Amino acid sequence: MKYNTEEKKLVMPEYGRNIQNMVDYCLAIEDREERTRCANTIINIMGNMFPHLRDVNDFKHILWDHLAIMADFKLDIDYPYEIIKKEDLHSRPPRIPYNNSRIRYKHYGRTLELMIQKATELEEGGSERNQLINLLANHMKKSFLTWNKESVDDRKIFKDLDELSEGAIVLDEESHKLTESRDILARNNTTNNNNNNNKKNYSRKGR
């Protein structure tokens, strides 16, 4: 009796040795047309092994990639998909650079700082700039209250906006009126209560 430990190591153990033997047999077929028919049969068998994955995007494409890998990329057929290249099999994805830029106020976030910078680039006095600044100021107030849970004076928001825009956006209480703190807090409480109720309902359904 020949033990599996004496056999060559499986490239993709999840398919088992029988599938690997089929692939090896397919490689040995001399007629290209017959070899292609054999490869399609193997793909169908591989697919039947994982029926729960059939709805996964590109499932068939993945199977053909796996077949090529098990054949050590030596299977000479017309693949229905562009298969993975051998040199790319063990290549690492490019390293994503870490953003080391300092955020002045973490409760506002980096994205808001970028949007403020964008607002400063718009035409001064234009409606688009004014609308964006109004939206940003109200969003800043909402973010501040989300973190601090207390009332905040609009002058604090205007001061922070002045600082973050490096003096390019200056607002005052007379010309700009932001949403009342109590309205924002009430809205936040309603949202939190709805989320909690949804979690409770989901838990009951799961029982």
C-alpha atoms as a PDB file:
ATOM      1  CA  MET A   1       0.000   0.000   0.000  1.00  0.00           C
ATOM      2  CA  LYS A   2       1.227   3.455  -0.899  1.00  0.00           C
ATOM      3  CA  TYR A   3       0.627   6.115   1.755  1.00  0.00           C
ATOM      4  CA  ASN A   4      -0.201   9.745   1.014  1.00  0.00           C
ATOM      5  CA  THR A   5       2.928  10.766   2.895  1.00  0.00           C
ATOM      6  CA  GLU A   6       4.923   9.070   0.152  1.00  0.00           C
ATOM      7  CA  GLU A   7       3.104  10.997  -2.585  1.00  0.00           C
ATOM      8  CA  LYS A   8       4.174  14.405  -3.867  1.00  0.00           C
ATOM      9  CA  LYS A   9       2.861  17.344  -1.890  1.00  0.00           C
ATOM     10  CA  LEU A  10      -0.506  18.645  -3.086  1.00  0.00           C
ATOM     11  CA  VAL A  11      -0.418  22.178  -4.472  1.00  0.00           C
ATOM     12  CA  MET A  12      -4.044  22.780  -3.458  1.00  0.00           C
ATOM     13  CA  PRO A  13      -5.007  20.253  -0.754  1.00  0.00           C
ATOM     14  CA  GLU A  14      -8.609  21.471  -0.634  1.00  0.00           C
ATOM     15  CA  TYR A  15      -9.313  19.650  -3.921  1.00  0.00           C
ATOM     16  CA  GLY A  16      -7.761  16.364  -2.810  1.00  0.00           C
ATOM     17  CA  ARG A  17      -5.424  13.932  -4.523  1.00  0.00           C
ATOM     18  CA  ASN A  18      -8.011  12.545  -6.940  1.00  0.00           C
ATOM     19  CA  ILE A  19      -8.446  15.952  -8.608  1.00  0.00           C
ATOM     20  CA  GLN A  20      -4.667  16.376  -8.745  1.00  0.00           C
ATOM     21  CA  ASN A  21      -4.392  12.966 -10.427  1.00  0.00           C
ATOM     22  CA  MET A  22      -6.988  14.075 -12.996  1.00  0.00           C
ATOM     23  CA  VAL A  23      -4.964  17.218 -13.689  1.00  0.00           C
ATOM     24  CA  ASP A  24      -1.790  15.150 -14.110  1.00  0.00           C
ATOM     25  CA  TYR A  25      -3.654  12.850 -16.511  1.00  0.00           C
ATOM     26  CA  CYS A  26      -4.930  15.869 -18.454  1.00  0.00           C
ATOM     27  CA  LEU A  27      -1.373  17.146 -18.846  1.00  0.00           C
ATOM     28  CA  ALA A  28      -0.354  13.832 -20.384  1.00  0.00           C
ATOM     29  CA  ILE A  29      -3.023  13.927 -23.132  1.00  0.00           C
ATOM     30  CA  GLU A  30      -1.343  14.676 -26.445  1.00  0.00           C
ATOM     31  CA  ASP A  31      -4.364  15.758 -28.484  1.00  0.00           C
ATOM     32  CA  ARG A  32      -5.073  19.431 -27.687  1.00  0.00           C
ATOM     33  CA  GLU A  33      -8.816  19.206 -28.336  1.00  0.00           C
ATOM     34  CA  GLU A  34      -9.158  16.153 -26.124  1.00  0.00           C
ATOM     35  CA  ARG A  35      -7.009  17.836 -23.498  1.00  0.00           C
ATOM     36  CA  THR A  36      -9.353  20.853 -23.506  1.00  0.00           C
ATOM     37  CA  ARG A  37     -12.422  18.611 -23.088  1.00  0.00           C
ATOM     38  CA  CYS A  38     -10.727  16.892 -20.172  1.00  0.00           C
ATOM     39  CA  ALA A  39      -9.920  20.265 -18.554  1.00  0.00           C
ATOM     40  CA  ASN A  40     -13.584  21.357 -18.819  1.00  0.00           C
ATOM     41  CA  THR A  41     -14.691  18.093 -17.186  1.00  0.00           C
ATOM     42  CA  ILE A  42     -12.257  18.664 -14.312  1.00  0.00           C
ATOM     43  CA  ILE A  43     -13.576  22.219 -13.856  1.00  0.00           C
ATOM     44  CA  ASN A  44     -17.156  20.893 -13.590  1.00  0.00           C
ATOM     45  CA  ILE A  45     -16.092  18.352 -10.959  1.00  0.00           C
ATOM     46  CA  MET A  46     -14.202  21.034  -9.018  1.00  0.00           C
ATOM     47  CA  GLY A  47     -17.272  23.266  -9.107  1.00  0.00           C
ATOM     48  CA  ASN A  48     -19.521  20.471  -7.791  1.00  0.00           C
ATOM     49  CA  MET A  49     -17.230  20.120  -4.781  1.00  0.00           C
ATOM     50  CA  PHE A  50     -18.158  23.627  -3.600  1.00  0.00           C
ATOM     51  CA  PRO A  51     -21.805  24.215  -4.657  1.00  0.00           C
ATOM     52  CA  HIS A  52     -22.273  26.878  -1.934  1.00  0.00           C
ATOM     53  CA  LEU A  53     -19.746  29.088  -3.729  1.00  0.00           C
ATOM     54  CA  ARG A  54     -21.456  29.111  -7.113  1.00  0.00           C
ATOM     55  CA  ASP A  55     -23.028  32.518  -6.461  1.00  0.00           C
ATOM     56  CA  VAL A  56     -19.637  34.061  -5.717  1.00  0.00           C
ATOM     57  CA  ASN A  57     -18.513  36.563  -8.361  1.00  0.00           C
ATOM     58  CA  ASP A  58     -16.006  35.093 -10.851  1.00  0.00           C
ATOM     59  CA  PHE A  59     -16.374  31.611  -9.322  1.00  0.00           C
ATOM     60  CA  LYS A  60     -15.639  29.902 -12.647  1.00  0.00           C
ATOM     61  CA  HIS A  61     -12.683  32.225 -13.240  1.00  0.00           C
ATOM     62  CA  ILE A  62     -11.269  31.227  -9.850  1.00  0.00           C
ATOM     63  CA  LEU A  63     -11.629  27.533 -10.713  1.00  0.00           C
ATOM     64  CA  TRP A  64      -9.657  27.987 -13.932  1.00  0.00           C
ATOM     65  CA  ASP A  65      -6.947  29.810 -12.012  1.00  0.00           C
ATOM     66  CA  HIS A  66      -6.785  26.901  -9.575  1.00  0.00           C
ATOM     67  CA  LEU A  67      -6.580  24.390 -12.425  1.00  0.00           C
ATOM     68  CA  ALA A  68      -3.657  26.288 -13.944  1.00  0.00           C
ATOM     69  CA  ILE A  69      -1.899  26.355 -10.557  1.00  0.00           C
ATOM     70  CA  MET A  70      -2.363  22.604 -10.025  1.00  0.00           C
ATOM     71  CA  ALA A  71      -0.978  22.021 -13.528  1.00  0.00           C
ATOM     72  CA  ASP A  72       2.041  24.192 -12.656  1.00  0.00           C
ATOM     73  CA  PHE A  73       0.982  26.465 -15.550  1.00  0.00           C
ATOM     74  CA  LYS A  74       1.973  23.759 -18.070  1.00  0.00           C
ATOM     75  CA  LEU A  75      -1.522  22.959 -19.330  1.00  0.00           C
ATOM     76  CA  ASP A  76      -1.596  23.979 -23.001  1.00  0.00           C
ATOM     77  CA  ILE A  77      -5.249  24.791 -23.757  1.00  0.00           C
ATOM     78  CA  ASP A  78      -7.351  27.803 -24.725  1.00  0.00           C
ATOM     79  CA  TYR A  79      -8.469  29.082 -21.346  1.00  0.00           C
ATOM     80  CA  PRO A  80     -11.896  30.812 -21.312  1.00  0.00           C
ATOM     81  CA  TYR A  81     -10.452  33.437 -18.969  1.00  0.00           C
ATOM     82  CA  GLU A  82      -7.165  35.229 -18.604  1.00  0.00           C
ATOM     83  CA  ILE A  83      -5.572  33.182 -15.856  1.00  0.00           C
ATOM     84  CA  ILE A  84      -3.227  34.376 -13.177  1.00  0.00           C
ATOM     85  CA  LYS A  85       0.440  34.547 -14.160  1.00  0.00           C
ATOM     86  CA  LYS A  86       2.913  32.290 -12.374  1.00  0.00           C
ATOM     87  CA  GLU A  87       5.160  35.217 -11.464  1.00  0.00           C
ATOM     88  CA  ASP A  88       2.190  36.995  -9.833  1.00  0.00           C
ATOM     89  CA  LEU A  89       1.169  34.001  -7.735  1.00  0.00           C
ATOM     90  CA  HIS A  90       3.280  34.864  -4.718  1.00  0.00           C
ATOM     91  CA  SER A  91       3.710  38.580  -5.331  1.00  0.00           C
ATOM     92  CA  ARG A  92       2.657  40.931  -2.535  1.00  0.00           C
ATOM     93  CA  PRO A  93       0.249  43.805  -3.127  1.00  0.00           C
ATOM     94  CA  PRO A  94       1.833  47.271  -3.196  1.00  0.00           C
ATOM     95  CA  ARG A  95       2.352  48.771   0.223  1.00  0.00           C
ATOM     96  CA  ILE A  96      -0.260  51.400   1.111  1.00  0.00           C
ATOM     97  CA  PRO A  97       1.441  54.518   2.414  1.00  0.00           C
ATOM     98  CA  TYR A  98       0.367  55.458   5.928  1.00  0.00           C
ATOM     99  CA  ASN A  99      -1.051  58.941   6.274  1.00  0.00           C
ATOM    100  CA  ASN A 100       1.138  60.685   8.814  1.00  0.00           C
ATOM    101  CA  SER A 101      -0.438  64.121   8.413  1.00  0.00           C
ATOM    102  CA  ARG A 102      -1.462  65.636  11.748  1.00  0.00           C
ATOM    103  CA  ILE A 103      -5.162  66.200  12.440  1.00  0.00           C
ATOM    104  CA  ARG A 104      -5.647  69.381  14.460  1.00  0.00           C
ATOM    105  CA  TYR A 105      -9.016  68.410  15.911  1.00  0.00           C
ATOM    106  CA  LYS A 106      -9.728  64.683  15.909  1.00  0.00           C
ATOM    107  CA  HIS A 107     -13.450  65.146  16.521  1.00  0.00           C
ATOM    108  CA  TYR A 108     -13.702  66.918  13.145  1.00  0.00           C
ATOM    109  CA  GLY A 109     -11.520  64.457  11.237  1.00  0.00           C
ATOM    110  CA  ARG A 110      -9.153  64.729   8.301  1.00  0.00           C
ATOM    111  CA  THR A 111     -11.867  64.639   5.625  1.00  0.00           C
ATOM    112  CA  LEU A 112     -13.500  67.794   6.978  1.00  0.00           C
ATOM    113  CA  GLU A 113     -10.151  69.592   6.941  1.00  0.00           C
ATOM    114  CA  LEU A 114      -9.762  68.700   3.268  1.00  0.00           C
ATOM    115  CA  MET A 115     -13.278  69.935   2.507  1.00  0.00           C
ATOM    116  CA  ILE A 116     -12.535  73.228   4.240  1.00  0.00           C
ATOM    117  CA  GLN A 117      -9.448  73.573   2.071  1.00  0.00           C
ATOM    118  CA  LYS A 118     -11.622  72.910  -0.986  1.00  0.00           C
ATOM    119  CA  ALA A 119     -14.091  75.613   0.135  1.00  0.00           C
ATOM    120  CA  THR A 120     -11.277  78.180   0.346  1.00  0.00           C
ATOM    121  CA  GLU A 121     -10.466  77.498  -3.299  1.00  0.00           C
ATOM    122  CA  LEU A 122     -13.976  78.382  -4.510  1.00  0.00           C
ATOM    123  CA  GLU A 123     -14.865  81.858  -5.726  1.00  0.00           C
ATOM    124  CA  GLU A 124     -15.299  84.189  -2.780  1.00  0.00           C
ATOM    125  CA  GLY A 125     -18.861  85.451  -2.393  1.00  0.00           C
ATOM    126  CA  GLY A 126     -20.231  82.766  -4.728  1.00  0.00           C
ATOM    127  CA  SER A 127     -23.323  80.777  -3.767  1.00  0.00           C
ATOM    128  CA  GLU A 128     -21.511  77.442  -4.060  1.00  0.00           C
ATOM    129  CA  ARG A 129     -18.846  78.564  -1.586  1.00  0.00           C
ATOM    130  CA  ASN A 130     -21.394  79.994   0.842  1.00  0.00           C
ATOM    131  CA  GLN A 131     -23.547  76.869   0.776  1.00  0.00           C
ATOM    132  CA  LEU A 132     -20.554  74.608   1.317  1.00  0.00           C
ATOM    133  CA  ILE A 133     -19.265  76.732   4.208  1.00  0.00           C
ATOM    134  CA  ASN A 134     -22.701  76.653   5.861  1.00  0.00           C
ATOM    135  CA  LEU A 135     -22.847  72.867   5.524  1.00  0.00           C
ATOM    136  CA  LEU A 136     -19.328  72.480   6.896  1.00  0.00           C
ATOM    137  CA  ALA A 137     -19.991  74.727   9.903  1.00  0.00           C
ATOM    138  CA  ASN A 138     -23.148  72.804  10.827  1.00  0.00           C
ATOM    139  CA  HIS A 139     -21.333  69.493  10.352  1.00  0.00           C
ATOM    140  CA  MET A 140     -18.534  70.734  12.627  1.00  0.00           C
ATOM    141  CA  LYS A 141     -21.096  71.562  15.295  1.00  0.00           C
ATOM    142  CA  LYS A 142     -22.709  68.141  14.954  1.00  0.00           C
ATOM    143  CA  SER A 143     -19.303  66.409  15.195  1.00  0.00           C
ATOM    144  CA  PHE A 144     -18.363  68.499  18.231  1.00  0.00           C
ATOM    145  CA  LEU A 145     -21.580  67.538  20.029  1.00  0.00           C
ATOM    146  CA  THR A 146     -21.193  63.866  19.092  1.00  0.00           C
ATOM    147  CA  TRP A 147     -17.882  63.772  20.947  1.00  0.00           C
ATOM    148  CA  ASN A 148     -18.618  66.195  23.783  1.00  0.00           C
ATOM    149  CA  LYS A 149     -22.349  65.567  24.411  1.00  0.00           C
ATOM    150  CA  GLU A 150     -22.821  69.126  25.663  1.00  0.00           C
ATOM    151  CA  SER A 151     -23.982  72.430  24.268  1.00  0.00           C
ATOM    152  CA  VAL A 152     -21.410  74.349  22.240  1.00  0.00           C
ATOM    153  CA  ASP A 153     -21.292  78.065  21.482  1.00  0.00           C
ATOM    154  CA  ASP A 154     -21.371  78.876  17.767  1.00  0.00           C
ATOM    155  CA  ARG A 155     -18.416  81.187  18.355  1.00  0.00           C
ATOM    156  CA  LYS A 156     -16.297  78.120  19.161  1.00  0.00           C
ATOM    157  CA  ILE A 157     -17.233  76.571  15.789  1.00  0.00           C
ATOM    158  CA  PHE A 158     -16.479  79.832  13.950  1.00  0.00           C
ATOM    159  CA  LYS A 159     -13.125  80.103  15.735  1.00  0.00           C
ATOM    160  CA  ASP A 160     -12.161  76.533  14.761  1.00  0.00           C
ATOM    161  CA  LEU A 161     -13.287  77.128  11.174  1.00  0.00           C
ATOM    162  CA  ASP A 162     -11.174  80.289  11.046  1.00  0.00           C
ATOM    163  CA  GLU A 163      -8.164  78.340  12.315  1.00  0.00           C
ATOM    164  CA  LEU A 164      -8.631  75.319  10.026  1.00  0.00           C
ATOM    165  CA  SER A 165      -9.032  77.574   6.964  1.00  0.00           C
ATOM    166  CA  GLU A 166      -5.994  79.619   8.056  1.00  0.00           C
ATOM    167  CA  GLY A 167      -8.082  82.788   8.180  1.00  0.00           C
ATOM    168  CA  ALA A 168      -9.697  82.306   4.759  1.00  0.00           C
ATOM    169  CA  ILE A 169     -13.175  81.671   6.200  1.00  0.00           C
ATOM    170  CA  VAL A 170     -14.387  84.102   8.857  1.00  0.00           C
ATOM    171  CA  LEU A 171     -17.958  83.824  10.155  1.00  0.00           C
ATOM    172  CA  ASP A 172     -19.836  85.657  12.897  1.00  0.00           C
ATOM    173  CA  GLU A 173     -23.049  85.124  14.838  1.00  0.00           C
ATOM    174  CA  GLU A 174     -24.857  88.028  13.188  1.00  0.00           C
ATOM    175  CA  SER A 175     -24.492  86.817   9.605  1.00  0.00           C
ATOM    176  CA  HIS A 176     -24.555  83.047  10.215  1.00  0.00           C
ATOM    177  CA  LYS A 177     -26.964  81.050  12.342  1.00  0.00           C
ATOM    178  CA  LEU A 178     -26.165  77.380  12.925  1.00  0.00           C
ATOM    179  CA  THR A 179     -28.559  74.610  13.947  1.00  0.00           C
ATOM    180  CA  GLU A 180     -29.434  74.774  17.642  1.00  0.00           C
ATOM    181  CA  SER A 181     -27.450  72.411  19.872  1.00  0.00           C
ATOM    182  CA  ARG A 182     -30.625  70.963  21.408  1.00  0.00           C
ATOM    183  CA  ASP A 183     -31.973  70.068  17.951  1.00  0.00           C
ATOM    184  CA  ILE A 184     -28.725  68.273  17.013  1.00  0.00           C
ATOM    185  CA  LEU A 185     -28.634  66.399  20.332  1.00  0.00           C
ATOM    186  CA  ALA A 186     -32.296  65.410  19.981  1.00  0.00           C
ATOM    187  CA  ARG A 187     -31.603  64.127  16.482  1.00  0.00           C
ATOM    188  CA  ASN A 188     -28.566  62.162  17.696  1.00  0.00           C
ATOM    189  CA  ASN A 189     -30.598  60.619  20.533  1.00  0.00           C
ATOM    190  CA  THR A 190     -33.349  59.596  18.103  1.00  0.00           C
ATOM    191  CA  THR A 191     -30.806  57.966  15.807  1.00  0.00           C
ATOM    192  CA  ASN A 192     -29.163  56.114  18.708  1.00  0.00           C
ATOM    193  CA  ASN A 193     -32.526  54.886  20.001  1.00  0.00           C
ATOM    194  CA  ASN A 194     -33.512  53.632  16.548  1.00  0.00           C
ATOM    195  CA  ASN A 195     -30.185  51.802  16.207  1.00  0.00           C
ATOM    196  CA  ASN A 196     -30.617  50.193  19.637  1.00  0.00           C
ATOM    197  CA  ASN A 197     -34.169  49.103  18.796  1.00  0.00           C
ATOM    198  CA  ASN A 198     -32.981  47.585  15.507  1.00  0.00           C
ATOM    199  CA  LYS A 199     -30.286  45.633  17.376  1.00  0.00           C
ATOM    200  CA  LYS A 200     -32.852  44.337  19.887  1.00  0.00           C
ATOM    201  CA  ASN A 201     -35.252  43.279  17.125  1.00  0.00           C
ATOM    202  CA  TYR A 202     -32.427  41.537  15.272  1.00  0.00           C
ATOM    203  CA  SER A 203     -31.430  39.691  18.478  1.00  0.00           C
ATOM    204  CA  ARG A 204     -34.997  38.490  19.048  1.00  0.00           C
ATOM    205  CA  LYS A 205     -35.240  37.183  15.470  1.00  0.00           C
ATOM    206  CA  GLY A 206     -31.995  35.265  15.905  1.00  0.00           C
ATOM    207  CA  ARG A 207     -33.323  33.333  18.919  1.00  0.00           C
END
